[in-house]
Amino acid sequence: MQLRKHLSSSNRTTLKAWQGLHVDNRSSTTFACGMNVEVVHPDELGPDDLEVWRRFQSEDQRLASPFLAPEFAQAVGRARHDARVAVIHDGGVAGYFAFQVNETLGVPIGATICDTQAVVCHRDLCWDARWLVQSCGLEVWQFDHLAVHQDPFVPFHAVRHSSPTIDLSGGHDNFLESVRARSKNVIAQVARRRRKLTREVGPVKTSWDSADADGIAALVRWKSDQYQRTGTWNRFELDWIRDVVTELLRSKSVGCSGLMATTHAGDRLAAVHIGLLGGAGLSWWFPAYDPDLSQYSPGLVMLLDLAAQAAERGVRTIDLGRGEHAYKLRVATGAYDLAEGQVPAA
């Protein structure tokens, strides 16, 4: 593979070429032993970059999240002009760090919809967090869903949050046994509500990869109503978020592809979920349900149905995302930590 020619700075558009943004001339800072960083737009990544990036992910399961995949960075890049990728060189390509830049303030790529953040790099790479931020031309980089296993970032963790998970590696039956051991009533309770939904509205069917033309519109409508009721800003008011979600739903990449699931009761749409598949896992991203059917818990009905279907398809984990919401804790079988904080430049 001829990486050196493809990845040479002469073939890149660095930050200096982007008009209208404050540029820090340190965008190619040198670290120890010739380590340096080249900052590019995600669309400038070529086939060799994508292959190396994916290899780094496959070599370290802690980096397997679809939010860390190059396809996610590129989808954001096509929706936002301020998306960037720092290509870390250390005698060859050693890592990728995706971010967004507003003058000299950096945030994660896809900030507000990116549920995992990290440097995707060679497992043995030694690097310094403040040097990396400086090399990207930033004064500070803020994060809120940072993987906690990367030591260079640890001193900058201000707080850690729990992210619940569903473990399907032992099969669906083992998952159900684990849930019953932790919460004896939830499986039976959801089953009763499912039967009631069938009697009073119509037969319940959950489709794993739905082509329902009304699914996206219903999810946006229900989610927007939920944001308004809870006083949360509406993500779907932003064009770039809708564009990213739409593009990823069209993606067929093994590392990052969108999945829209629907649950119907008869002819009535009861719940919708748009998530991301990648790395033998399903990331729980945008779930929503018809509030007029809330007495039947259609969201939990759909989640438990999807857990069964995911296990059949070889999905090993459902990542329920940061936040200890009650419904997540009722069905979660484990959890891991994500960090929030910021890194100042060196």
Foldseek 3Di string as FASTA:
>chain_A
DPQCVLPPPVLFDAPVNDPPAAFFPLLWPADPQGKTKGKHQLVSDDPVNQVVLVVLCVVDVLQLALLNHSLLLVLLSVLDVQKMWIQIDRVGGFWIAIWGDHRQEIEHRVPPQRQEHDIRGHPPDDDAPQQVSVNNRHQKYWYDRYDCPDVNCPVFFPDKFKWFKQFQQVHLVVLVVLLCVVAVCPVVLLVVLQVVLCVPFRHKDKDWADPPPCQVVVLLVQQQVVCVVVVHDRPVVDPSVVSSLVVQCVDPDQRWHWGKMWMAGHPHTFKIFIWIHTSLETEGGRIGGDPVSVVSVVVLVNVSVNSNVSSVVRRGMYTDGTDDDPSSVSSGNGIDMGGTGMHGHD
